[in-house]
Amino acid sequence: MNNLHQERLAIVNMKNEIRDIFAGTYMKFCQRLPIDEKKIVLKSFRGIECGDNPRAIFDALYAKRPDLHYVWVTADEKLSVPGARTVRHGSPAEIKELATAKIWIDNKRKGCWTSKRAGQFYLQTWHGGIALKRIEKDAEDKLPAYYIKSAKKDSRLADAFLSGSGWQTGNIRDAFWYTGDIWETGLPRNDILFRPDEAGKKIRQAFGFSETDKVVLYAPTFREDYSLDVYDLDRERLLAACRARFGGKWKLIMRLHPNIANEGKYFYYNDEVLNGCHYPIMSELVAGCDVLVTDYSSCMFDAAESGKISFIYASDVDDYLADRGFNFEFRDLPFAIAETNDELEQNIKAYDENEYAARTEAFLDELQVYDNECAAGTVADMLLQIMEEK
């Protein structure tokens, strides 16, 4: 870690500590107000989007109980969800809503200023399932001190975590500083993986594709330095390889991680290559595409659950491994791995359907995956039962 990066982290840490003093004091003040027994506050990726597990749970809750008081926390005033109010991320309004809500639903860690009162329930859904890269306690020496502090407090605040596999349950126990309840319901965001035709129709309508167009999704994860240099995929060559191996007309959707979604505007697009960085539901893109190309993102495992074809294109394996480390032997993953555009083209053209199906099925069975089509409804029913408890 260079000196400039250390200085930036120190400044960010100081700002966080100052914010915690004022935000924490205001939250204590707002906790004098009564709890709204019908209010649920939801947030996804610090308000960058209204998606992931919180959105799937919201949709299921709203279908059952549209009369409840739903509040979404958003970082962009343009974001909205039908049936819910919105408040700005980091604002006094967010603090007040949290202080007076019956239930919180979030997929990221909350700041250290957050406190919870008796009678409130916090569901931490997290934003990943089976994870390739090491996270939380397993990567403690790579994480900022403030993040570790907030993660530990967030785990103390949480009343329940969600899990989509036996592997994830073990990972939560081992790496999340968490000893509370784990709801092994499957991940609500993954319900759509079992309805690929529905997802495919949605994304084709959203991007203006024809019903016969085939879709390759390029969805890499972010780097700790937020560099864009590693996203050097030859997209036209990728499309040509897909046409050569699978036939038909192909479109490519590029979807960057929410942490760098706004950087997607710096790439060029045309009729065949489209910007999907702000498409609201990532799991719909995974379920609705025909081929996925990623690097180290956990979406590769989601795609495998949905029976989709996945290829890995990762040009910085050694650097990324040194930065975080992996939970699995990278070369033992059931996906063909390429470090260059040449290798990616070769892997696509050499794709063997039977071999791929056998490898992915064995891998998922070993990790005891129990995602299903009904997780969102199950979680919604559990939350509604909690809302009725006094």
Protein backbone atom coordinates (compact mmCIF):
# COMPACT_ATOMS: atom_id res chain seq x y z
CA MET A 1 0.00 0.00 0.00
CA ASN A 2 1.59 3.27 -1.10
CA ASN A 3 1.78 6.42 1.02
CA LEU A 4 -0.82 8.28 -1.06
CA HIS A 5 -3.33 5.47 -0.59
CA GLN A 6 -2.62 5.40 3.13
CA GLU A 7 -3.19 9.14 3.36
CA ARG A 8 -6.50 8.84 1.55
CA LEU A 9 -7.61 6.05 3.87
CA ALA A 10 -6.67 8.16 6.87
CA ILE A 11 -8.76 11.07 5.58
CA VAL A 12 -11.74 8.81 4.86
CA ASN A 13 -11.44 7.26 8.32
CA MET A 14 -11.39 10.69 9.97
CA LYS A 15 -14.48 11.77 8.03
CA ASN A 16 -16.26 8.57 9.03
CA GLU A 17 -15.44 9.09 12.70
CA ILE A 18 -16.72 12.67 12.61
CA ARG A 19 -19.89 11.59 10.81
CA ASP A 20 -20.47 8.85 13.37
CA ILE A 21 -20.51 11.34 16.22
CA PHE A 22 -23.19 13.54 14.66
CA ALA A 23 -25.22 10.77 13.01
CA GLY A 24 -25.13 8.61 16.12
CA THR A 25 -26.29 11.49 18.32
CA TYR A 26 -29.14 12.31 15.95
CA MET A 27 -30.22 8.67 15.82
CA LYS A 28 -30.40 8.53 19.62
CA PHE A 29 -32.56 11.65 19.52
CA CYS A 30 -34.88 10.13 16.88
CA GLN A 31 -35.23 6.96 18.93
CA ARG A 32 -37.40 8.94 21.33
CA LEU A 33 -40.09 8.78 18.66
CA PRO A 34 -42.45 5.77 18.58
CA ILE A 35 -41.75 2.81 16.32
CA ASP A 36 -44.05 2.54 13.31
CA GLU A 37 -45.05 -1.12 13.54
CA LYS A 38 -45.90 -1.18 9.81
CA LYS A 39 -42.70 0.42 8.49
CA ILE A 40 -39.91 -1.41 6.66
CA VAL A 41 -36.73 0.36 5.51
CA LEU A 42 -34.76 -1.22 2.67
CA LYS A 43 -31.36 -0.44 1.17
CA SER A 44 -29.16 -2.08 -1.47
CA PHE A 45 -25.49 -1.27 -2.11
CA ARG A 46 -25.59 1.99 -0.12
CA GLY A 47 -28.54 3.18 -2.17
CA ILE A 48 -26.75 2.91 -5.51
CA GLU A 49 -29.55 0.64 -6.75
CA CYS A 50 -32.88 -0.77 -5.61
CA GLY A 51 -32.09 -4.39 -6.36
CA ASP A 52 -30.50 -7.61 -5.14
CA ASN A 53 -32.00 -9.54 -2.21
CA PRO A 54 -33.74 -6.50 -0.66
CA ARG A 55 -35.66 -5.86 -3.90
CA ALA A 56 -36.76 -9.48 -4.27
CA ILE A 57 -37.99 -9.47 -0.66
CA PHE A 58 -39.76 -6.14 -1.18
CA ASP A 59 -41.58 -7.43 -4.25
CA ALA A 60 -42.79 -10.47 -2.31
CA LEU A 61 -43.82 -8.36 0.70
CA TYR A 62 -45.64 -5.80 -1.41
CA ALA A 63 -47.57 -8.52 -3.23
CA LYS A 64 -48.78 -9.84 0.13
CA ARG A 65 -49.13 -6.57 2.09
CA PRO A 66 -49.31 -3.41 -0.04
CA ASP A 67 -50.69 -1.58 3.00
CA LEU A 68 -47.36 -1.58 4.85
CA HIS A 69 -45.15 1.52 4.95
CA TYR A 70 -42.14 0.85 2.71
CA VAL A 71 -39.14 3.19 2.57
CA TRP A 72 -36.22 2.74 0.15
CA VAL A 73 -32.91 4.47 0.82
CA THR A 74 -31.39 5.71 -2.45
CA ALA A 75 -28.24 7.59 -3.41
CA ASP A 76 -29.86 9.01 -6.55
CA GLU A 77 -33.03 11.07 -6.42
CA LYS A 78 -34.04 9.58 -9.77
CA LEU A 79 -34.33 6.10 -8.28
CA SER A 80 -37.79 5.06 -7.19
CA VAL A 81 -39.77 1.92 -6.45
CA PRO A 82 -43.54 1.82 -7.03
CA GLY A 83 -45.33 1.41 -3.72
CA ALA A 84 -42.55 2.91 -1.60
CA ARG A 85 -41.28 6.26 -0.42
CA THR A 86 -37.61 7.13 -0.89
CA VAL A 87 -35.11 9.00 1.28
CA ARG A 88 -31.57 9.96 0.42
CA HIS A 89 -28.67 7.80 1.56
CA GLY A 90 -26.65 9.50 4.31
CA SER A 91 -29.32 12.09 5.07
CA PRO A 92 -30.97 12.93 8.41
CA ALA A 93 -34.18 11.57 6.86
CA GLU A 94 -32.59 8.12 6.52
CA ILE A 95 -31.54 8.17 10.17
CA LYS A 96 -35.04 9.12 11.28
CA GLU A 97 -36.64 6.40 9.17
CA LEU A 98 -34.29 3.77 10.58
CA ALA A 99 -34.86 4.96 14.15
CA THR A 100 -38.63 4.55 13.79
CA ALA A 101 -38.96 1.45 11.57
CA LYS A 102 -40.04 -1.99 12.72
CA ILE A 103 -37.77 -3.80 10.23
CA TRP A 104 -34.52 -2.99 8.41
CA ILE A 105 -33.40 -4.92 5.32
CA ASP A 106 -29.90 -4.29 3.94
CA ASN A 107 -27.29 -6.11 1.84
CA LYS A 108 -24.26 -4.04 2.91
CA ARG A 109 -22.75 -3.11 6.26
CA LYS A 110 -24.23 -0.17 8.14
CA GLY A 111 -22.06 2.59 9.56
CA CYS A 112 -20.84 2.57 13.15
CA TRP A 113 -23.27 5.37 13.99
CA THR A 114 -26.18 2.94 13.69
CA SER A 115 -27.92 1.73 16.82
CA LYS A 116 -30.97 -0.47 17.20
CA ARG A 117 -33.65 -0.29 19.85
CA ALA A 118 -35.82 -2.95 21.46
CA GLY A 119 -38.68 -3.98 19.20
CA GLN A 120 -36.76 -3.53 15.94
CA PHE A 121 -35.59 -6.35 13.66
CA TYR A 122 -32.62 -6.22 11.28
CA LEU A 123 -32.30 -8.70 8.39
CA GLN A 124 -28.84 -8.68 6.81
CA THR A 125 -29.21 -10.34 3.41
CA TRP A 126 -25.61 -9.77 2.23
CA HIS A 127 -24.97 -9.24 -1.49
CA GLY A 128 -23.27 -12.48 -2.45
CA GLY A 129 -23.71 -16.20 -2.12
CA ILE A 130 -20.91 -18.59 -2.93
CA ALA A 131 -17.86 -16.33 -2.98
CA LEU A 132 -14.63 -16.90 -4.87
CA LYS A 133 -12.67 -14.12 -3.22
CA ARG A 134 -12.08 -14.09 0.51
CA ILE A 135 -14.15 -11.54 2.37
CA GLU A 136 -14.72 -10.07 5.81
CA LYS A 137 -12.66 -11.79 8.54
CA ASP A 138 -10.89 -14.00 5.98
CA ALA A 139 -9.51 -10.84 4.34
CA GLU A 140 -9.13 -8.79 7.53
CA ASP A 141 -5.54 -7.83 6.84
CA LYS A 142 -6.61 -6.31 3.49
CA LEU A 143 -9.57 -4.28 4.75
CA PRO A 144 -9.64 -0.73 6.18
CA ALA A 145 -9.81 -0.52 9.96
CA TYR A 146 -13.06 1.43 9.86
CA TYR A 147 -14.73 -1.18 7.68
CA ILE A 148 -13.76 -3.95 10.10
CA LYS A 149 -15.12 -1.91 12.99
CA SER A 150 -18.42 -1.28 11.21
CA ALA A 151 -18.70 -4.91 10.03
CA LYS A 152 -18.32 -6.25 13.56
CA LYS A 153 -20.94 -3.84 14.86
CA ASP A 154 -23.28 -4.63 11.97
CA SER A 155 -23.08 -8.33 12.81
CA ARG A 156 -23.91 -7.56 16.44
CA LEU A 157 -26.94 -5.55 15.31
CA ALA A 158 -28.24 -8.17 12.86
CA ASP A 159 -31.03 -10.46 14.02
CA ALA A 160 -30.66 -12.81 11.05
CA PHE A 161 -28.53 -13.44 7.97
CA LEU A 162 -29.69 -15.21 4.80
CA SER A 163 -27.95 -18.20 3.23
CA GLY A 164 -28.33 -19.96 -0.09
CA SER A 165 -26.09 -22.96 0.53
CA GLY A 166 -24.43 -25.07 3.16
CA TRP A 167 -21.15 -23.52 2.05
CA GLN A 168 -22.48 -19.99 2.63
CA THR A 169 -23.79 -20.85 6.08
CA GLY A 170 -20.32 -22.03 7.04
CA ASN A 171 -18.75 -18.94 5.51
CA ILE A 172 -21.04 -16.65 7.52
CA ARG A 173 -20.13 -18.49 10.72
CA ASP A 174 -16.41 -18.47 9.98
CA ALA A 175 -15.89 -15.05 8.41
CA PHE A 176 -18.63 -12.62 9.42
CA TRP A 177 -18.06 -12.23 13.17
CA TYR A 178 -21.62 -13.53 13.52
CA THR A 179 -23.17 -16.06 15.90
CA GLY A 180 -26.90 -15.32 15.49
CA ASP A 181 -29.69 -16.85 13.41
CA ILE A 182 -29.12 -17.81 9.79
CA TRP A 183 -32.20 -18.31 7.64
CA GLU A 184 -31.34 -21.11 5.23
CA THR A 185 -34.16 -20.20 2.87
CA GLY A 186 -32.12 -19.77 -0.28
CA LEU A 187 -31.35 -16.30 -1.63
CA PRO A 188 -34.45 -14.34 -2.71
CA ARG A 189 -32.61 -12.65 -5.58
CA ASN A 190 -31.92 -16.11 -7.03
CA ASP A 191 -35.58 -17.09 -7.38
CA ILE A 192 -35.50 -15.65 -10.90
CA LEU A 193 -32.74 -18.12 -11.83
CA PHE A 194 -35.45 -20.76 -11.99
CA ARG A 195 -37.52 -18.64 -14.42
CA PRO A 196 -35.02 -17.94 -17.22
CA ASP A 197 -37.68 -17.43 -19.90
CA GLU A 198 -39.30 -14.68 -17.83
CA ALA A 199 -35.94 -13.00 -17.26
CA GLY A 200 -34.96 -13.32 -20.89
CA LYS A 201 -38.15 -11.64 -22.03
CA LYS A 202 -37.61 -8.76 -19.60
CA ILE A 203 -34.07 -7.97 -20.67
CA ARG A 204 -34.84 -8.27 -24.37
CA GLN A 205 -37.67 -5.79 -23.96
CA ALA A 206 -35.55 -3.46 -21.85
CA PHE A 207 -32.68 -3.34 -24.38
CA GLY A 208 -34.77 -3.53 -27.52
CA PHE A 209 -33.49 -6.95 -28.62
CA SER A 210 -35.53 -9.28 -30.80
CA GLU A 211 -36.80 -12.57 -29.36
CA THR A 212 -34.29 -14.45 -31.49
CA ASP A 213 -31.26 -12.41 -30.40
CA LYS A 214 -28.88 -14.28 -28.14
CA VAL A 215 -27.26 -12.42 -25.25
CA VAL A 216 -23.78 -12.59 -23.77
CA LEU A 217 -23.38 -10.78 -20.45
CA TYR A 218 -19.98 -9.37 -19.47
CA ALA A 219 -20.07 -8.81 -15.70
CA PRO A 220 -16.64 -8.39 -14.06
CA THR A 221 -16.18 -7.40 -10.44
CA PHE A 222 -14.34 -4.29 -9.23
CA ARG A 223 -10.73 -3.84 -8.13
CA GLU A 224 -9.74 -2.31 -4.82
CA ASP A 225 -8.04 0.60 -6.58
CA TYR A 226 -11.13 1.06 -8.81
CA SER A 227 -8.93 0.76 -11.90
CA LEU A 228 -10.60 0.20 -15.29
CA ASP A 229 -7.45 -1.06 -17.01
CA VAL A 230 -8.30 -4.72 -16.48
CA TYR A 231 -11.53 -4.47 -18.46
CA ASP A 232 -9.73 -4.97 -21.75
CA LEU A 233 -12.05 -7.63 -23.10
CA ASP A 234 -12.21 -7.57 -26.92
CA ARG A 235 -15.97 -7.37 -27.11
CA GLU A 236 -16.31 -7.63 -30.91
CA ARG A 237 -14.09 -10.69 -30.86
CA LEU A 238 -16.21 -12.18 -28.08
CA LEU A 239 -19.37 -11.71 -30.15
CA ALA A 240 -17.70 -13.27 -33.18
CA ALA A 241 -16.64 -16.30 -31.14
CA CYS A 242 -20.19 -16.76 -29.82
CA ARG A 243 -21.57 -16.60 -33.36
CA ALA A 244 -18.99 -19.12 -34.55
CA ARG A 245 -19.63 -21.63 -31.73
CA PHE A 246 -23.35 -21.25 -31.03
CA GLY A 247 -24.76 -19.67 -34.19
CA GLY A 248 -27.38 -16.94 -34.46
CA LYS A 249 -27.29 -13.19 -33.85
CA TRP A 250 -25.61 -12.04 -30.63
CA LYS A 251 -25.79 -8.93 -28.46
CA LEU A 252 -23.48 -8.06 -25.58
CA ILE A 253 -24.54 -6.36 -22.35
CA MET A 254 -21.75 -4.90 -20.22
CA ARG A 255 -22.52 -4.73 -16.51
CA LEU A 256 -19.90 -3.35 -14.10
CA HIS A 257 -20.05 -3.89 -10.34
CA PRO A 258 -22.29 -1.36 -8.49
CA ASN A 259 -19.17 0.15 -6.87
CA ILE A 260 -18.03 1.38 -10.30
CA ALA A 261 -21.30 1.38 -12.23
CA ASN A 262 -20.96 5.06 -13.11
CA GLU A 263 -17.65 4.34 -14.82
CA GLY A 264 -19.48 2.35 -17.46
CA LYS A 265 -20.06 5.55 -19.40
CA TYR A 266 -16.38 5.65 -20.34
CA PHE A 267 -16.69 2.59 -22.60
CA TYR A 268 -17.98 2.77 -26.15
CA TYR A 269 -21.26 1.18 -27.21
CA ASN A 270 -23.10 0.45 -30.44
CA ASP A 271 -26.05 -1.61 -31.71
CA GLU A 272 -24.40 -4.85 -30.59
CA VAL A 273 -22.66 -3.73 -27.38
CA LEU A 274 -24.90 -2.09 -24.79
CA ASN A 275 -24.43 -0.51 -21.37
CA GLY A 276 -26.23 -2.49 -18.67
CA CYS A 277 -24.47 -0.94 -15.67
CA HIS A 278 -27.66 0.57 -14.31
CA TYR A 279 -30.09 -2.20 -15.14
CA PRO A 280 -31.89 -2.56 -11.80
CA ILE A 281 -31.91 -6.34 -11.27
CA MET A 282 -28.57 -8.10 -11.81
CA SER A 283 -30.07 -11.56 -11.28
CA GLU A 284 -32.42 -10.96 -14.22
CA LEU A 285 -29.42 -10.32 -16.45
CA VAL A 286 -27.79 -13.54 -15.28
CA ALA A 287 -30.96 -15.62 -15.64
CA GLY A 288 -31.91 -14.07 -18.99
CA CYS A 289 -28.56 -14.21 -20.79
CA ASP A 290 -27.31 -17.15 -22.83
CA VAL A 291 -23.62 -16.83 -21.97
CA LEU A 292 -21.86 -15.13 -19.06
CA VAL A 293 -18.29 -13.84 -19.09
CA THR A 294 -16.88 -12.70 -15.75
CA ASP A 295 -13.61 -12.66 -13.84
CA TYR A 296 -13.93 -13.26 -10.08
CA SER A 297 -17.58 -12.34 -9.47
CA SER A 298 -19.87 -14.71 -7.61
CA CYS A 299 -22.36 -14.31 -10.45
CA MET A 300 -20.53 -17.22 -12.13
CA PHE A 301 -22.05 -19.54 -9.52
CA ASP A 302 -25.51 -17.99 -9.95
CA ALA A 303 -25.25 -18.56 -13.69
CA ALA A 304 -24.29 -22.19 -13.10
CA GLU A 305 -27.40 -22.64 -10.94
CA SER A 306 -29.50 -21.30 -13.79
CA GLY A 307 -27.88 -23.67 -16.27
CA LYS A 308 -26.14 -20.84 -18.12
CA ILE A 309 -22.80 -21.13 -19.87
CA SER A 310 -20.02 -19.27 -18.04
CA PHE A 311 -16.50 -18.38 -19.09
CA ILE A 312 -13.85 -16.67 -17.00
CA TYR A 313 -11.75 -13.89 -18.51
CA ALA A 314 -9.23 -12.64 -15.94
CA SER A 315 -6.05 -10.94 -17.10
CA ASP A 316 -4.73 -10.11 -13.61
CA VAL A 317 -5.05 -13.39 -11.71
CA ASP A 318 -1.77 -13.15 -9.82
CA ASP A 319 -2.39 -9.56 -8.70
CA TYR A 320 -5.96 -10.25 -7.65
CA LEU A 321 -5.00 -13.43 -5.79
CA ALA A 322 -2.27 -11.53 -3.93
CA ASP A 323 -4.73 -8.80 -2.99
CA ARG A 324 -7.54 -10.91 -1.55
CA GLY A 325 -6.95 -14.64 -1.90
CA PHE A 326 -9.52 -17.21 -3.02
CA ASN A 327 -11.81 -19.60 -1.19
CA PHE A 328 -11.33 -22.19 -3.93
CA GLU A 329 -8.43 -23.25 -6.09
CA PHE A 330 -8.92 -21.01 -9.08
CA ARG A 331 -7.93 -23.63 -11.64
CA ASP A 332 -10.30 -26.18 -10.08
CA LEU A 333 -13.40 -24.11 -10.81
CA PRO A 334 -15.81 -25.77 -13.27
CA PHE A 335 -15.43 -22.90 -15.77
CA ALA A 336 -12.94 -22.51 -18.62
CA ILE A 337 -10.39 -19.85 -17.62
CA ALA A 338 -8.71 -17.39 -19.99
CA GLU A 339 -6.10 -14.76 -19.19
CA THR A 340 -5.97 -13.35 -22.74
CA ASN A 341 -8.49 -12.64 -25.47
CA ASP A 342 -6.88 -15.40 -27.54
CA GLU A 343 -7.54 -17.95 -24.80
CA LEU A 344 -11.12 -16.76 -24.33
CA GLU A 345 -11.85 -17.20 -28.03
CA GLN A 346 -10.34 -20.69 -27.94
CA ASN A 347 -12.35 -21.66 -24.84
CA ILE A 348 -15.62 -20.56 -26.41
CA LYS A 349 -14.97 -22.43 -29.62
CA ALA A 350 -13.95 -25.57 -27.68
CA TYR A 351 -16.97 -25.50 -25.34
CA ASP A 352 -18.33 -28.99 -24.59
CA GLU A 353 -21.91 -28.95 -23.27
CA ASN A 354 -21.85 -32.36 -21.58
CA GLU A 355 -18.51 -31.80 -19.87
CA TYR A 356 -19.61 -28.37 -18.62
CA ALA A 357 -22.91 -29.68 -17.22
CA ALA A 358 -21.17 -32.50 -15.36
CA ARG A 359 -18.52 -30.22 -13.85
CA THR A 360 -20.95 -27.51 -12.69
CA GLU A 361 -23.46 -29.99 -11.27
CA ALA A 362 -20.78 -31.76 -9.24
CA PHE A 363 -19.42 -28.44 -7.96
CA LEU A 364 -22.83 -27.15 -6.82
CA ASP A 365 -23.73 -30.48 -5.20
CA GLU A 366 -20.53 -30.38 -3.17
CA LEU A 367 -21.41 -26.91 -1.86
CA GLN A 368 -24.95 -27.99 -0.88
CA VAL A 369 -26.79 -25.30 -2.82
CA TYR A 370 -30.43 -25.00 -1.79
CA ASP A 371 -31.61 -21.95 -3.69
CA ASN A 372 -35.14 -22.41 -4.97
CA GLU A 373 -37.92 -20.53 -6.70
CA CYS A 374 -39.73 -19.56 -3.47
CA ALA A 375 -37.10 -17.97 -1.18
CA ALA A 376 -38.47 -14.42 -1.45
CA GLY A 377 -41.95 -15.53 -0.45
CA THR A 378 -40.61 -17.60 2.43
CA VAL A 379 -38.57 -14.69 3.78
CA ALA A 380 -41.52 -12.33 3.35
CA ASP A 381 -43.75 -14.63 5.41
CA MET A 382 -41.12 -14.84 8.16
CA LEU A 383 -40.83 -11.05 8.29
CA LEU A 384 -44.59 -10.58 8.37
CA GLN A 385 -44.78 -12.95 11.31
CA ILE A 386 -42.14 -10.90 13.11
CA MET A 387 -44.09 -7.70 12.41
CA GLU A 388 -47.07 -9.17 14.20
CA GLU A 389 -45.03 -9.98 17.29
CA LYS A 390 -45.11 -7.37 20.05
